[in-house]
Amino acid sequence: MDYLCSECSTQLSKFEIELNTQYPIGKLYCEFCQSKKERETIKKLSKSIADDLDFYDFEEDLTRGGTLKWN
């Protein structure tokens, strides 16, 4: 039986099938699509953390003579 990537419909290799059975995430992905999904998740996570840490930038506003701004 041939397995296809859920994202790009490429036939999965034996190694990719083995990875998907060892570490199931609900959908079958080829290596390229899996790494693309991982990069997207990392980008979203880093953006979220950066947004959470924005309140540390208030000192920069104070040194320029600005007023204290809370996000």
C-alpha atoms as a PDB file:
ATOM      1  CA  MET A   1       0.000   0.000   0.000  1.00  0.00           C
ATOM      2  CA  ASP A   2       1.334   3.427  -0.952  1.00  0.00           C
ATOM      3  CA  TYR A   3       1.132   6.251   1.562  1.00  0.00           C
ATOM      4  CA  LEU A   4       0.938   9.858   0.402  1.00  0.00           C
ATOM      5  CA  CYS A   5       1.899  13.060   2.172  1.00  0.00           C
ATOM      6  CA  SER A   6      -1.168  14.893   3.490  1.00  0.00           C
ATOM      7  CA  GLU A   7       0.243  18.236   2.356  1.00  0.00           C
ATOM      8  CA  CYS A   8       1.822  17.680  -1.080  1.00  0.00           C
ATOM      9  CA  SER A   9       0.567  14.185  -2.077  1.00  0.00           C
ATOM     10  CA  THR A  10       4.119  12.880  -2.589  1.00  0.00           C
ATOM     11  CA  GLN A  11       4.624   9.168  -2.018  1.00  0.00           C
ATOM     12  CA  LEU A  12       6.299   8.570   1.335  1.00  0.00           C
ATOM     13  CA  SER A  13       9.539   6.607   1.571  1.00  0.00           C
ATOM     14  CA  LYS A  14       9.938   3.693   3.983  1.00  0.00           C
ATOM     15  CA  PHE A  15      11.908   5.965   6.322  1.00  0.00           C
ATOM     16  CA  GLU A  16       9.165   8.619   6.321  1.00  0.00           C
ATOM     17  CA  ILE A  17       6.496   5.988   7.008  1.00  0.00           C
ATOM     18  CA  GLU A  18       8.573   4.657   9.898  1.00  0.00           C
ATOM     19  CA  LEU A  19       8.986   8.158  11.357  1.00  0.00           C
ATOM     20  CA  ASN A  20       5.247   8.809  11.055  1.00  0.00           C
ATOM     21  CA  THR A  21       4.433   5.563  12.872  1.00  0.00           C
ATOM     22  CA  GLN A  22       7.025   6.158  15.630  1.00  0.00           C
ATOM     23  CA  TYR A  23       6.014   9.790  16.177  1.00  0.00           C
ATOM     24  CA  PRO A  24       2.376  10.126  15.083  1.00  0.00           C
ATOM     25  CA  ILE A  25       0.941  13.645  14.850  1.00  0.00           C
ATOM     26  CA  GLY A  26      -2.373  12.778  13.226  1.00  0.00           C
ATOM     27  CA  LYS A  27      -1.408  13.280   9.579  1.00  0.00           C
ATOM     28  CA  LEU A  28       1.219  11.733   7.340  1.00  0.00           C
ATOM     29  CA  TYR A  29       3.900  14.150   6.122  1.00  0.00           C
ATOM     30  CA  CYS A  30       6.997  13.789   3.974  1.00  0.00           C
ATOM     31  CA  GLU A  31      10.279  15.090   5.399  1.00  0.00           C
ATOM     32  CA  PHE A  32      10.021  18.414   3.563  1.00  0.00           C
ATOM     33  CA  CYS A  33       6.455  19.163   4.663  1.00  0.00           C
ATOM     34  CA  GLN A  34       7.213  18.031   8.212  1.00  0.00           C
ATOM     35  CA  SER A  35      10.170  20.405   8.480  1.00  0.00           C
ATOM     36  CA  LYS A  36       8.057  23.178   6.912  1.00  0.00           C
ATOM     37  CA  LYS A  37       5.371  22.642   9.579  1.00  0.00           C
ATOM     38  CA  GLU A  38       8.047  22.650  12.288  1.00  0.00           C
ATOM     39  CA  ARG A  39       9.505  25.932  10.983  1.00  0.00           C
ATOM     40  CA  GLU A  40       6.041  27.518  10.924  1.00  0.00           C
ATOM     41  CA  THR A  41       5.383  26.386  14.497  1.00  0.00           C
ATOM     42  CA  ILE A  42       8.766  27.704  15.679  1.00  0.00           C
ATOM     43  CA  LYS A  43       8.115  31.046  13.965  1.00  0.00           C
ATOM     44  CA  LYS A  44       4.673  31.369  15.613  1.00  0.00           C
ATOM     45  CA  LEU A  45       6.086  30.434  19.013  1.00  0.00           C
ATOM     46  CA  SER A  46       8.978  32.887  18.790  1.00  0.00           C
ATOM     47  CA  LYS A  47       6.606  35.672  17.678  1.00  0.00           C
ATOM     48  CA  SER A  48       4.307  34.907  20.599  1.00  0.00           C
ATOM     49  CA  ILE A  49       7.167  34.987  23.093  1.00  0.00           C
ATOM     50  CA  ALA A  50       8.534  38.208  21.595  1.00  0.00           C
ATOM     51  CA  ASP A  51       5.087  39.804  21.917  1.00  0.00           C
ATOM     52  CA  ASP A  52       4.871  38.679  25.553  1.00  0.00           C
ATOM     53  CA  LEU A  53       8.244  40.259  26.309  1.00  0.00           C
ATOM     54  CA  ASP A  54       7.451  43.629  24.674  1.00  0.00           C
ATOM     55  CA  PHE A  55       6.711  45.201  28.054  1.00  0.00           C
ATOM     56  CA  TYR A  56      10.459  45.138  28.777  1.00  0.00           C
ATOM     57  CA  ASP A  57      10.957  47.827  26.104  1.00  0.00           C
ATOM     58  CA  PHE A  58       9.512  50.608  28.298  1.00  0.00           C
ATOM     59  CA  GLU A  59      12.994  51.659  29.522  1.00  0.00           C
ATOM     60  CA  GLU A  60      13.948  52.573  25.966  1.00  0.00           C
ATOM     61  CA  ASP A  61      11.006  55.008  25.820  1.00  0.00           C
ATOM     62  CA  LEU A  62      12.012  56.591  29.140  1.00  0.00           C
ATOM     63  CA  THR A  63      15.595  57.215  28.016  1.00  0.00           C
ATOM     64  CA  ARG A  64      14.354  59.148  24.987  1.00  0.00           C
ATOM     65  CA  GLY A  65      12.237  61.421  27.152  1.00  0.00           C
ATOM     66  CA  GLY A  66       9.018  59.694  26.220  1.00  0.00           C
ATOM     67  CA  THR A  67       6.281  58.636  28.545  1.00  0.00           C
ATOM     68  CA  LEU A  68       5.812  55.198  29.986  1.00  0.00           C
ATOM     69  CA  LYS A  69       3.665  53.060  27.674  1.00  0.00           C
ATOM     70  CA  TRP A  70       2.126  49.776  28.721  1.00  0.00           C
ATOM     71  CA  ASN A  71       1.049  47.381  25.984  1.00  0.00           C
END
